[in-house]
All heavy atoms as atom14 arrays in JSON, in Angstrom:
{
  "sequence": "GAFFHMIQQPYIWQLHVWTTLVETILGFIIGFLLGVTGGY",
  "atom14_mask": [
    [1, 1, 1, 1, 0, 0, 0, 0, 0, 0, 0, 0, 0, 0],
    [1, 1, 1, 1, 1, 0, 0, 0, 0, 0, 0, 0, 0, 0],
    [1, 1, 1, 1, 1, 1, 1, 1, 1, 1, 1, 0, 0, 0],
    [1, 1, 1, 1, 1, 1, 1, 1, 1, 1, 1, 0, 0, 0],
    [1, 1, 1, 1, 1, 1, 1, 1, 1, 1, 0, 0, 0, 0],
    [1, 1, 1, 1, 1, 1, 1, 1, 0, 0, 0, 0, 0, 0],
    [1, 1, 1, 1, 1, 1, 1, 1, 0, 0, 0, 0, 0, 0],
    [1, 1, 1, 1, 1, 1, 1, 1, 1, 0, 0, 0, 0, 0],
    [1, 1, 1, 1, 1, 1, 1, 1, 1, 0, 0, 0, 0, 0],
    [1, 1, 1, 1, 1, 1, 1, 0, 0, 0, 0, 0, 0, 0],
    [1, 1, 1, 1, 1, 1, 1, 1, 1, 1, 1, 1, 0, 0],
    [1, 1, 1, 1, 1, 1, 1, 1, 0, 0, 0, 0, 0, 0],
    [1, 1, 1, 1, 1, 1, 1, 1, 1, 1, 1, 1, 1, 1],
    [1, 1, 1, 1, 1, 1, 1, 1, 1, 0, 0, 0, 0, 0],
    [1, 1, 1, 1, 1, 1, 1, 1, 0, 0, 0, 0, 0, 0],
    [1, 1, 1, 1, 1, 1, 1, 1, 1, 1, 0, 0, 0, 0],
    [1, 1, 1, 1, 1, 1, 1, 0, 0, 0, 0, 0, 0, 0],
    [1, 1, 1, 1, 1, 1, 1, 1, 1, 1, 1, 1, 1, 1],
    [1, 1, 1, 1, 1, 1, 1, 0, 0, 0, 0, 0, 0, 0],
    [1, 1, 1, 1, 1, 1, 1, 0, 0, 0, 0, 0, 0, 0],
    [1, 1, 1, 1, 1, 1, 1, 1, 0, 0, 0, 0, 0, 0],
    [1, 1, 1, 1, 1, 1, 1, 0, 0, 0, 0, 0, 0, 0],
    [1, 1, 1, 1, 1, 1, 1, 1, 1, 0, 0, 0, 0, 0],
    [1, 1, 1, 1, 1, 1, 1, 0, 0, 0, 0, 0, 0, 0],
    [1, 1, 1, 1, 1, 1, 1, 1, 0, 0, 0, 0, 0, 0],
    [1, 1, 1, 1, 1, 1, 1, 1, 0, 0, 0, 0, 0, 0],
    [1, 1, 1, 1, 0, 0, 0, 0, 0, 0, 0, 0, 0, 0],
    [1, 1, 1, 1, 1, 1, 1, 1, 1, 1, 1, 0, 0, 0],
    [1, 1, 1, 1, 1, 1, 1, 1, 0, 0, 0, 0, 0, 0],
    [1, 1, 1, 1, 1, 1, 1, 1, 0, 0, 0, 0, 0, 0],
    [1, 1, 1, 1, 0, 0, 0, 0, 0, 0, 0, 0, 0, 0],
    [1, 1, 1, 1, 1, 1, 1, 1, 1, 1, 1, 0, 0, 0],
    [1, 1, 1, 1, 1, 1, 1, 1, 0, 0, 0, 0, 0, 0],
    [1, 1, 1, 1, 1, 1, 1, 1, 0, 0, 0, 0, 0, 0],
    [1, 1, 1, 1, 0, 0, 0, 0, 0, 0, 0, 0, 0, 0],
    [1, 1, 1, 1, 1, 1, 1, 0, 0, 0, 0, 0, 0, 0],
    [1, 1, 1, 1, 1, 1, 1, 0, 0, 0, 0, 0, 0, 0],
    [1, 1, 1, 1, 0, 0, 0, 0, 0, 0, 0, 0, 0, 0],
    [1, 1, 1, 1, 0, 0, 0, 0, 0, 0, 0, 0, 0, 0],
    [1, 1, 1, 1, 1, 1, 1, 1, 1, 1, 1, 1, 0, 0]
  ],
  "atom14_positions": [
    [[4.93, -18.38, 1.87], [3.9, -19.15, 1.16], [2.53, -18.5, 1.28], [1.79, -18.4, 0.29], [0.0, 0.0, 0.0], [0.0, 0.0, 0.0], [0.0, 0.0, 0.0], [0.0, 0.0, 0.0], [0.0, 0.0, 0.0], [0.0, 0.0, 0.0], [0.0, 0.0, 0.0], [0.0, 0.0, 0.0], [0.0, 0.0, 0.0], [0.0, 0.0, 0.0]],
    [[2.18, -18.04, 2.5], [0.91, -17.36, 2.69], [0.87, -16.05, 1.92], [-0.17, -15.68, 1.35], [0.69, -17.11, 4.18], [0.0, 0.0, 0.0], [0.0, 0.0, 0.0], [0.0, 0.0, 0.0], [0.0, 0.0, 0.0], [0.0, 0.0, 0.0], [0.0, 0.0, 0.0], [0.0, 0.0, 0.0], [0.0, 0.0, 0.0], [0.0, 0.0, 0.0]],
    [[2.01, -15.34, 1.89], [2.06, -14.06, 1.17], [1.82, -14.26, -0.33], [1.0, -13.55, -0.93], [3.42, -13.41, 1.41], [3.69, -12.23, 0.52], [3.08, -11.01, 0.76], [4.55, -12.33, -0.56], [3.32, -9.91, -0.05], [4.81, -11.26, -1.38], [4.19, -10.04, -1.12], [0.0, 0.0, 0.0], [0.0, 0.0, 0.0], [0.0, 0.0, 0.0]],
    [[2.5, -15.22, -0.93], [2.33, -15.45, -2.37], [0.93, -15.97, -2.69], [0.4, -15.68, -3.76], [3.39, -16.42, -2.88], [4.77, -15.82, -2.96], [5.81, -16.29, -2.16], [5.02, -14.76, -3.82], [7.06, -15.73, -2.22], [6.28, -14.2, -3.9], [7.31, -14.67, -3.09], [0.0, 0.0, 0.0], [0.0, 0.0, 0.0], [0.0, 0.0, 0.0]],
    [[0.34, -16.69, -1.76], [-1.04, -17.12, -1.98], [-1.99, -15.92, -1.92], [-2.95, -15.84, -2.7], [-1.43, -18.16, -0.91], [-2.86, -18.6, -1.02], [-3.34, -19.41, -2.02], [-3.95, -18.31, -0.23], [-4.63, -19.62, -1.86], [-5.03, -18.97, -0.78], [0.0, 0.0, 0.0], [0.0, 0.0, 0.0], [0.0, 0.0, 0.0], [0.0, 0.0, 0.0]],
    [[-1.72, -15.0, -0.99], [-2.58, -13.83, -0.85], [-2.55, -12.95, -2.08], [-3.6, -12.51, -2.57], [-2.15, -13.01, 0.38], [-2.53, -13.62, 1.71], [-1.86, -12.66, 3.09], [-2.49, -11.04, 2.71], [0.0, 0.0, 0.0], [0.0, 0.0, 0.0], [0.0, 0.0, 0.0], [0.0, 0.0, 0.0], [0.0, 0.0, 0.0], [0.0, 0.0, 0.0]],
    [[-1.37, -12.67, -2.6], [-1.26, -11.73, -3.72], [-1.81, -12.31, -5.01], [-1.97, -11.58, -6.01], [0.19, -11.26, -3.93], [1.09, -12.45, -4.29], [0.7, -10.54, -2.7], [2.52, -12.04, -4.6], [0.0, 0.0, 0.0], [0.0, 0.0, 0.0], [0.0, 0.0, 0.0], [0.0, 0.0, 0.0], [0.0, 0.0, 0.0], [0.0, 0.0, 0.0]],
    [[-2.12, -13.59, -5.02], [-2.75, -14.19, -6.19], [-4.27, -14.09, -6.15], [-4.94, -14.44, -7.13], [-2.34, -15.66, -6.32], [-0.86, -15.87, -6.59], [-0.46, -17.32, -6.55], [-1.31, -18.22, -6.51], [0.84, -17.59, -6.54], [0.0, 0.0, 0.0], [0.0, 0.0, 0.0], [0.0, 0.0, 0.0], [0.0, 0.0, 0.0], [0.0, 0.0, 0.0]],
    [[-4.8, -13.59, -5.04], [-6.25, -13.47, -4.89], [-6.7, -12.08, -5.37], [-6.24, -11.06, -4.85], [-6.67, -13.66, -3.43], [-6.13, -14.93, -2.79], [-6.54, -16.19, -3.53], [-7.7, -16.32, -3.93], [-5.6, -17.1, -3.72], [0.0, 0.0, 0.0], [0.0, 0.0, 0.0], [0.0, 0.0, 0.0], [0.0, 0.0, 0.0], [0.0, 0.0, 0.0]],
    [[-7.59, -12.02, -6.36], [-8.02, -10.71, -6.89], [-8.64, -9.8, -5.85], [-8.46, -8.57, -5.86], [-9.01, -11.09, -7.99], [-8.64, -12.49, -8.38], [-8.18, -13.13, -7.12], [0.0, 0.0, 0.0], [0.0, 0.0, 0.0], [0.0, 0.0, 0.0], [0.0, 0.0, 0.0], [0.0, 0.0, 0.0], [0.0, 0.0, 0.0], [0.0, 0.0, 0.0]],
    [[-9.38, -10.38, -4.89], [-10.07, -9.54, -3.92], [-9.1, -8.8, -3.01], [-9.42, -7.72, -2.47], [-11.07, -10.36, -3.09], [-10.45, -11.15, -1.96], [-10.4, -10.6, -0.68], [-9.93, -12.43, -2.16], [-9.83, -11.31, 0.38], [-9.36, -13.14, -1.12], [-9.32, -12.59, 0.14], [-8.75, -13.29, 1.18], [0.0, 0.0, 0.0], [0.0, 0.0, 0.0]],
    [[-7.9, -9.36, -2.81], [-6.9, -8.68, -1.99], [-6.54, -7.34, -2.62], [-6.43, -6.31, -1.93], [-5.65, -9.56, -1.83], [-5.96, -10.81, -1.02], [-4.51, -8.77, -1.18], [-6.29, -10.55, 0.42], [0.0, 0.0, 0.0], [0.0, 0.0, 0.0], [0.0, 0.0, 0.0], [0.0, 0.0, 0.0], [0.0, 0.0, 0.0], [0.0, 0.0, 0.0]],
    [[-6.38, -7.33, -3.94], [-6.01, -6.09, -4.64], [-7.22, -5.17, -4.81], [-7.12, -3.96, -4.62], [-5.4, -6.43, -6.0], [-4.15, -7.24, -5.89], [-4.04, -8.6, -5.97], [-2.84, -6.76, -5.62], [-2.75, -8.98, -5.79], [-1.98, -7.88, -5.57], [-2.3, -5.5, -5.42], [-0.61, -7.76, -5.34], [-0.94, -5.37, -5.18], [-0.11, -6.49, -5.14]],
    [[-8.33, -5.74, -5.2], [-9.5, -4.91, -5.53], [-10.18, -4.33, -4.28], [-10.68, -3.21, -4.33], [-10.5, -5.76, -6.32], [-9.98, -6.26, -7.65], [-10.89, -7.28, -8.29], [-11.96, -7.61, -7.75], [-10.48, -7.81, -9.44], [0.0, 0.0, 0.0], [0.0, 0.0, 0.0], [0.0, 0.0, 0.0], [0.0, 0.0, 0.0], [0.0, 0.0, 0.0]],
    [[-10.17, -5.09, -3.2], [-10.9, -4.66, -2.01], [-10.0, -3.99, -0.98], [-10.32, -2.91, -0.47], [-11.61, -5.85, -1.37], [-12.52, -5.55, -0.18], [-13.7, -4.7, -0.63], [-13.02, -6.86, 0.45], [0.0, 0.0, 0.0], [0.0, 0.0, 0.0], [0.0, 0.0, 0.0], [0.0, 0.0, 0.0], [0.0, 0.0, 0.0], [0.0, 0.0, 0.0]],
    [[-8.86, -4.61, -0.69], [-8.04, -4.15, 0.43], [-6.9, -3.23, -0.01], [-6.77, -2.12, 0.51], [-7.48, -5.36, 1.19], [-8.55, -6.22, 1.8], [-9.4, -5.74, 2.77], [-8.91, -7.5, 1.58], [-10.25, -6.7, 3.14], [-9.97, -7.78, 2.43], [0.0, 0.0, 0.0], [0.0, 0.0, 0.0], [0.0, 0.0, 0.0], [0.0, 0.0, 0.0]],
    [[-6.07, -3.67, -0.93], [-4.93, -2.83, -1.36], [-5.44, -1.55, -2.0], [-4.93, -0.45, -1.7], [-4.02, -3.61, -2.33], [-2.93, -2.71, -2.86], [-3.41, -4.83, -1.64], [0.0, 0.0, 0.0], [0.0, 0.0, 0.0], [0.0, 0.0, 0.0], [0.0, 0.0, 0.0], [0.0, 0.0, 0.0], [0.0, 0.0, 0.0], [0.0, 0.0, 0.0]],
    [[-6.42, -1.65, -2.85], [-6.93, -0.47, -3.54], [-7.52, 0.53, -2.55], [-7.3, 1.74, -2.66], [-7.97, -0.88, -4.6], [-8.61, 0.29, -5.27], [-9.9, 0.74, -5.13], [-8.0, 1.2, -6.22], [-10.12, 1.85, -5.92], [-8.97, 2.15, -6.58], [-6.72, 1.28, -6.76], [-8.69, 3.16, -7.49], [-6.44, 2.3, -7.67], [-7.43, 3.22, -8.02]],
    [[-8.28, 0.04, -1.56], [-8.87, 0.93, -0.56], [-7.79, 1.68, 0.21], [-7.86, 2.9, 0.4], [-9.76, 0.13, 0.39], [-10.82, -0.49, -0.34], [-10.37, 1.05, 1.45], [0.0, 0.0, 0.0], [0.0, 0.0, 0.0], [0.0, 0.0, 0.0], [0.0, 0.0, 0.0], [0.0, 0.0, 0.0], [0.0, 0.0, 0.0], [0.0, 0.0, 0.0]],
    [[-6.81, 0.93, 0.7], [-5.72, 1.57, 1.45], [-4.95, 2.55, 0.59], [-4.57, 3.65, 1.05], [-4.77, 0.51, 1.99], [-5.49, -0.38, 2.85], [-3.63, 1.13, 2.79], [0.0, 0.0, 0.0], [0.0, 0.0, 0.0], [0.0, 0.0, 0.0], [0.0, 0.0, 0.0], [0.0, 0.0, 0.0], [0.0, 0.0, 0.0], [0.0, 0.0, 0.0]],
    [[-4.73, 2.21, -0.67], [-3.99, 3.09, -1.56], [-4.76, 4.39, -1.83], [-4.16, 5.49, -1.8], [-3.71, 2.38, -2.89], [-2.77, 3.06, -3.87], [-1.38, 3.21, -3.26], [-2.66, 2.25, -5.17], [0.0, 0.0, 0.0], [0.0, 0.0, 0.0], [0.0, 0.0, 0.0], [0.0, 0.0, 0.0], [0.0, 0.0, 0.0], [0.0, 0.0, 0.0]],
    [[-6.06, 4.29, -2.04], [-6.87, 5.5, -2.27], [-6.87, 6.38, -1.04], [-6.7, 7.61, -1.12], [-8.3, 5.09, -2.66], [-9.23, 6.31, -2.65], [-8.32, 4.45, -4.05], [0.0, 0.0, 0.0], [0.0, 0.0, 0.0], [0.0, 0.0, 0.0], [0.0, 0.0, 0.0], [0.0, 0.0, 0.0], [0.0, 0.0, 0.0], [0.0, 0.0, 0.0]],
    [[-7.08, 5.79, 0.13], [-7.07, 6.58, 1.37], [-5.73, 7.24, 1.6], [-5.68, 8.42, 2.0], [-7.39, 5.65, 2.55], [-8.78, 5.06, 2.53], [-8.96, 3.95, 3.53], [-7.94, 3.5, 4.11], [-10.11, 3.49, 3.72], [0.0, 0.0, 0.0], [0.0, 0.0, 0.0], [0.0, 0.0, 0.0], [0.0, 0.0, 0.0], [0.0, 0.0, 0.0]],
    [[-4.65, 6.52, 1.31], [-3.32, 7.08, 1.52], [-3.05, 8.25, 0.58], [-2.57, 9.32, 1.02], [-2.26, 5.99, 1.32], [-2.49, 4.94, 2.27], [-0.86, 6.55, 1.52], [0.0, 0.0, 0.0], [0.0, 0.0, 0.0], [0.0, 0.0, 0.0], [0.0, 0.0, 0.0], [0.0, 0.0, 0.0], [0.0, 0.0, 0.0], [0.0, 0.0, 0.0]],
    [[-3.32, 8.06, -0.69], [-2.99, 9.09, -1.67], [-3.88, 10.33, -1.48], [-3.38, 11.47, -1.5], [-3.14, 8.53, -3.1], [-2.05, 7.48, -3.33], [-3.04, 9.64, -4.14], [-2.12, 6.82, -4.67], [0.0, 0.0, 0.0], [0.0, 0.0, 0.0], [0.0, 0.0, 0.0], [0.0, 0.0, 0.0], [0.0, 0.0, 0.0], [0.0, 0.0, 0.0]],
    [[-5.17, 10.14, -1.26], [-6.04, 11.29, -1.04], [-5.67, 12.03, 0.24], [-5.65, 13.27, 0.27], [-7.51, 10.85, -1.0], [-8.09, 10.34, -2.32], [-9.54, 9.93, -2.14], [-7.98, 11.41, -3.42], [0.0, 0.0, 0.0], [0.0, 0.0, 0.0], [0.0, 0.0, 0.0], [0.0, 0.0, 0.0], [0.0, 0.0, 0.0], [0.0, 0.0, 0.0]],
    [[-5.39, 11.27, 1.29], [-4.96, 11.91, 2.53], [-3.65, 12.66, 2.36], [-3.48, 13.76, 2.88], [0.0, 0.0, 0.0], [0.0, 0.0, 0.0], [0.0, 0.0, 0.0], [0.0, 0.0, 0.0], [0.0, 0.0, 0.0], [0.0, 0.0, 0.0], [0.0, 0.0, 0.0], [0.0, 0.0, 0.0], [0.0, 0.0, 0.0], [0.0, 0.0, 0.0]],
    [[-2.73, 12.06, 1.6], [-1.45, 12.73, 1.36], [-1.65, 14.01, 0.56], [-1.02, 15.04, 0.86], [-0.51, 11.8, 0.62], [0.75, 12.46, 0.14], [1.79, 12.74, 1.01], [0.88, 12.85, -1.19], [2.94, 13.37, 0.58], [2.03, 13.48, -1.64], [3.06, 13.74, -0.76], [0.0, 0.0, 0.0], [0.0, 0.0, 0.0], [0.0, 0.0, 0.0]],
    [[-2.48, 13.98, -0.46], [-2.7, 15.17, -1.29], [-3.26, 16.32, -0.45], [-2.8, 17.46, -0.54], [-3.64, 14.84, -2.47], [-2.93, 13.91, -3.46], [-4.08, 16.12, -3.17], [-3.84, 13.43, -4.58], [0.0, 0.0, 0.0], [0.0, 0.0, 0.0], [0.0, 0.0, 0.0], [0.0, 0.0, 0.0], [0.0, 0.0, 0.0], [0.0, 0.0, 0.0]],
    [[-4.25, 16.01, 0.4], [-4.82, 17.04, 1.26], [-3.77, 17.57, 2.22], [-3.59, 18.78, 2.4], [-6.03, 16.51, 2.0], [-7.16, 16.15, 1.04], [-6.53, 17.52, 3.04], [-8.34, 15.44, 1.68], [0.0, 0.0, 0.0], [0.0, 0.0, 0.0], [0.0, 0.0, 0.0], [0.0, 0.0, 0.0], [0.0, 0.0, 0.0], [0.0, 0.0, 0.0]],
    [[-3.03, 16.67, 2.88], [-1.99, 17.09, 3.8], [-0.89, 17.86, 3.1], [-0.34, 18.81, 3.68], [0.0, 0.0, 0.0], [0.0, 0.0, 0.0], [0.0, 0.0, 0.0], [0.0, 0.0, 0.0], [0.0, 0.0, 0.0], [0.0, 0.0, 0.0], [0.0, 0.0, 0.0], [0.0, 0.0, 0.0], [0.0, 0.0, 0.0], [0.0, 0.0, 0.0]],
    [[-0.57, 17.46, 1.87], [0.48, 18.16, 1.1], [0.06, 19.58, 0.77], [0.83, 20.53, 0.99], [0.77, 17.38, -0.16], [1.84, 18.0, -1.03], [3.17, 17.74, -0.77], [1.51, 18.84, -2.09], [4.16, 18.3, -1.55], [2.49, 19.4, -2.88], [3.83, 19.14, -2.6], [0.0, 0.0, 0.0], [0.0, 0.0, 0.0], [0.0, 0.0, 0.0]],
    [[-1.15, 19.75, 0.28], [-1.61, 21.1, -0.09], [-1.69, 22.01, 1.13], [-1.24, 23.17, 1.09], [-2.97, 21.01, -0.77], [-2.99, 20.3, -2.13], [-4.42, 20.19, -2.66], [-2.1, 21.01, -3.14], [0.0, 0.0, 0.0], [0.0, 0.0, 0.0], [0.0, 0.0, 0.0], [0.0, 0.0, 0.0], [0.0, 0.0, 0.0], [0.0, 0.0, 0.0]],
    [[-2.24, 21.49, 2.22], [-2.33, 22.3, 3.44], [-0.95, 22.56, 4.02], [-0.66, 23.67, 4.5], [-3.21, 21.59, 4.47], [-4.69, 21.43, 4.12], [-5.41, 20.64, 5.19], [-5.36, 22.8, 3.92], [0.0, 0.0, 0.0], [0.0, 0.0, 0.0], [0.0, 0.0, 0.0], [0.0, 0.0, 0.0], [0.0, 0.0, 0.0], [0.0, 0.0, 0.0]],
    [[-0.08, 21.55, 4.0], [1.26, 21.71, 4.58], [2.12, 22.69, 3.82], [2.8, 23.54, 4.41], [0.0, 0.0, 0.0], [0.0, 0.0, 0.0], [0.0, 0.0, 0.0], [0.0, 0.0, 0.0], [0.0, 0.0, 0.0], [0.0, 0.0, 0.0], [0.0, 0.0, 0.0], [0.0, 0.0, 0.0], [0.0, 0.0, 0.0], [0.0, 0.0, 0.0]],
    [[2.1, 22.6, 2.47], [2.91, 23.53, 1.67], [2.39, 24.95, 1.8], [3.16, 25.9, 1.96], [2.91, 23.07, 0.2], [3.54, 24.15, -0.69], [3.69, 21.76, 0.05], [0.0, 0.0, 0.0], [0.0, 0.0, 0.0], [0.0, 0.0, 0.0], [0.0, 0.0, 0.0], [0.0, 0.0, 0.0], [0.0, 0.0, 0.0], [0.0, 0.0, 0.0]],
    [[1.07, 25.11, 1.73], [0.49, 26.45, 1.86], [0.79, 27.05, 3.24], [1.26, 28.19, 3.36], [-1.03, 26.4, 1.64], [-1.31, 25.85, 0.36], [-1.63, 27.8, 1.73], [0.0, 0.0, 0.0], [0.0, 0.0, 0.0], [0.0, 0.0, 0.0], [0.0, 0.0, 0.0], [0.0, 0.0, 0.0], [0.0, 0.0, 0.0], [0.0, 0.0, 0.0]],
    [[0.51, 26.28, 4.29], [0.77, 26.79, 5.64], [2.25, 27.0, 5.9], [2.64, 27.98, 6.53], [0.0, 0.0, 0.0], [0.0, 0.0, 0.0], [0.0, 0.0, 0.0], [0.0, 0.0, 0.0], [0.0, 0.0, 0.0], [0.0, 0.0, 0.0], [0.0, 0.0, 0.0], [0.0, 0.0, 0.0], [0.0, 0.0, 0.0], [0.0, 0.0, 0.0]],
    [[3.09, 26.08, 5.42], [4.53, 26.24, 5.63], [5.09, 27.44, 4.9], [5.97, 28.14, 5.44], [0.0, 0.0, 0.0], [0.0, 0.0, 0.0], [0.0, 0.0, 0.0], [0.0, 0.0, 0.0], [0.0, 0.0, 0.0], [0.0, 0.0, 0.0], [0.0, 0.0, 0.0], [0.0, 0.0, 0.0], [0.0, 0.0, 0.0], [0.0, 0.0, 0.0]],
    [[4.59, 27.69, 3.71], [5.06, 28.87, 2.97], [4.67, 30.16, 3.71], [5.5, 31.07, 3.86], [4.48, 28.87, 1.56], [4.88, 30.09, 0.75], [6.1, 30.12, 0.1], [4.04, 31.2, 0.64], [6.49, 31.24, -0.64], [4.42, 32.31, -0.08], [5.63, 32.32, -0.72], [6.01, 33.43, -1.45], [0.0, 0.0, 0.0], [0.0, 0.0, 0.0]]
  ]
}
């Protein structure tokens, strides 16, 4: 019940989910480029 209430709140997506998603993807891209280059 708390989960479904949370995901209906716009600020959860705009403030929290979006921030974590941006940090994760940008961090992954940097780690991917460095990892593939160094591993090769």
